[in-house]
Amino acid sequence: SPHLSPSLSPLPPSLPPATGALLLPYFMVGTGESLKGLAPDAPICGYSWTAIAGLVLIVPIQATTMRLLSYLSAPSSLAVIITIIMVVAELFTNEGDEPFGSAGTVGPPPGTT
């Protein structure tokens, strides 16, 4: 059985897994909503997106070693690296004569105060 820290020892050992099981539906709905953003015009309801997310996660959930989990983190790391490259490329490929960020404003829009 897993050893809990002394501050958690009065709690039953089933409490942490039960807490995670109660939070799982919220994470699944969030994952389904994020998948919905990939194809907003698709004729699929929100519950179906959540079911698709659940089916996609069945295989990765079976990872039981840290090595397998590290392989699962590779797409996330790759996405962060690609995003950084895209931002840096946008900084250096400035179309037009205006400096980067000059089209944006800080604070309330002009004429509103």
Foldseek 3Di string as FASTA:
>chain_A
DDDDDPVCVVPDPCVVVVVVVVCVVVVLLVQLVVVCVVPVPDPDDSVVSSVVSVVVCPVLVPDDDVVSVVVVCVVVVVVVVVVVVVVVVCQVPDPDDDHPPPVDDPDDDPPPD
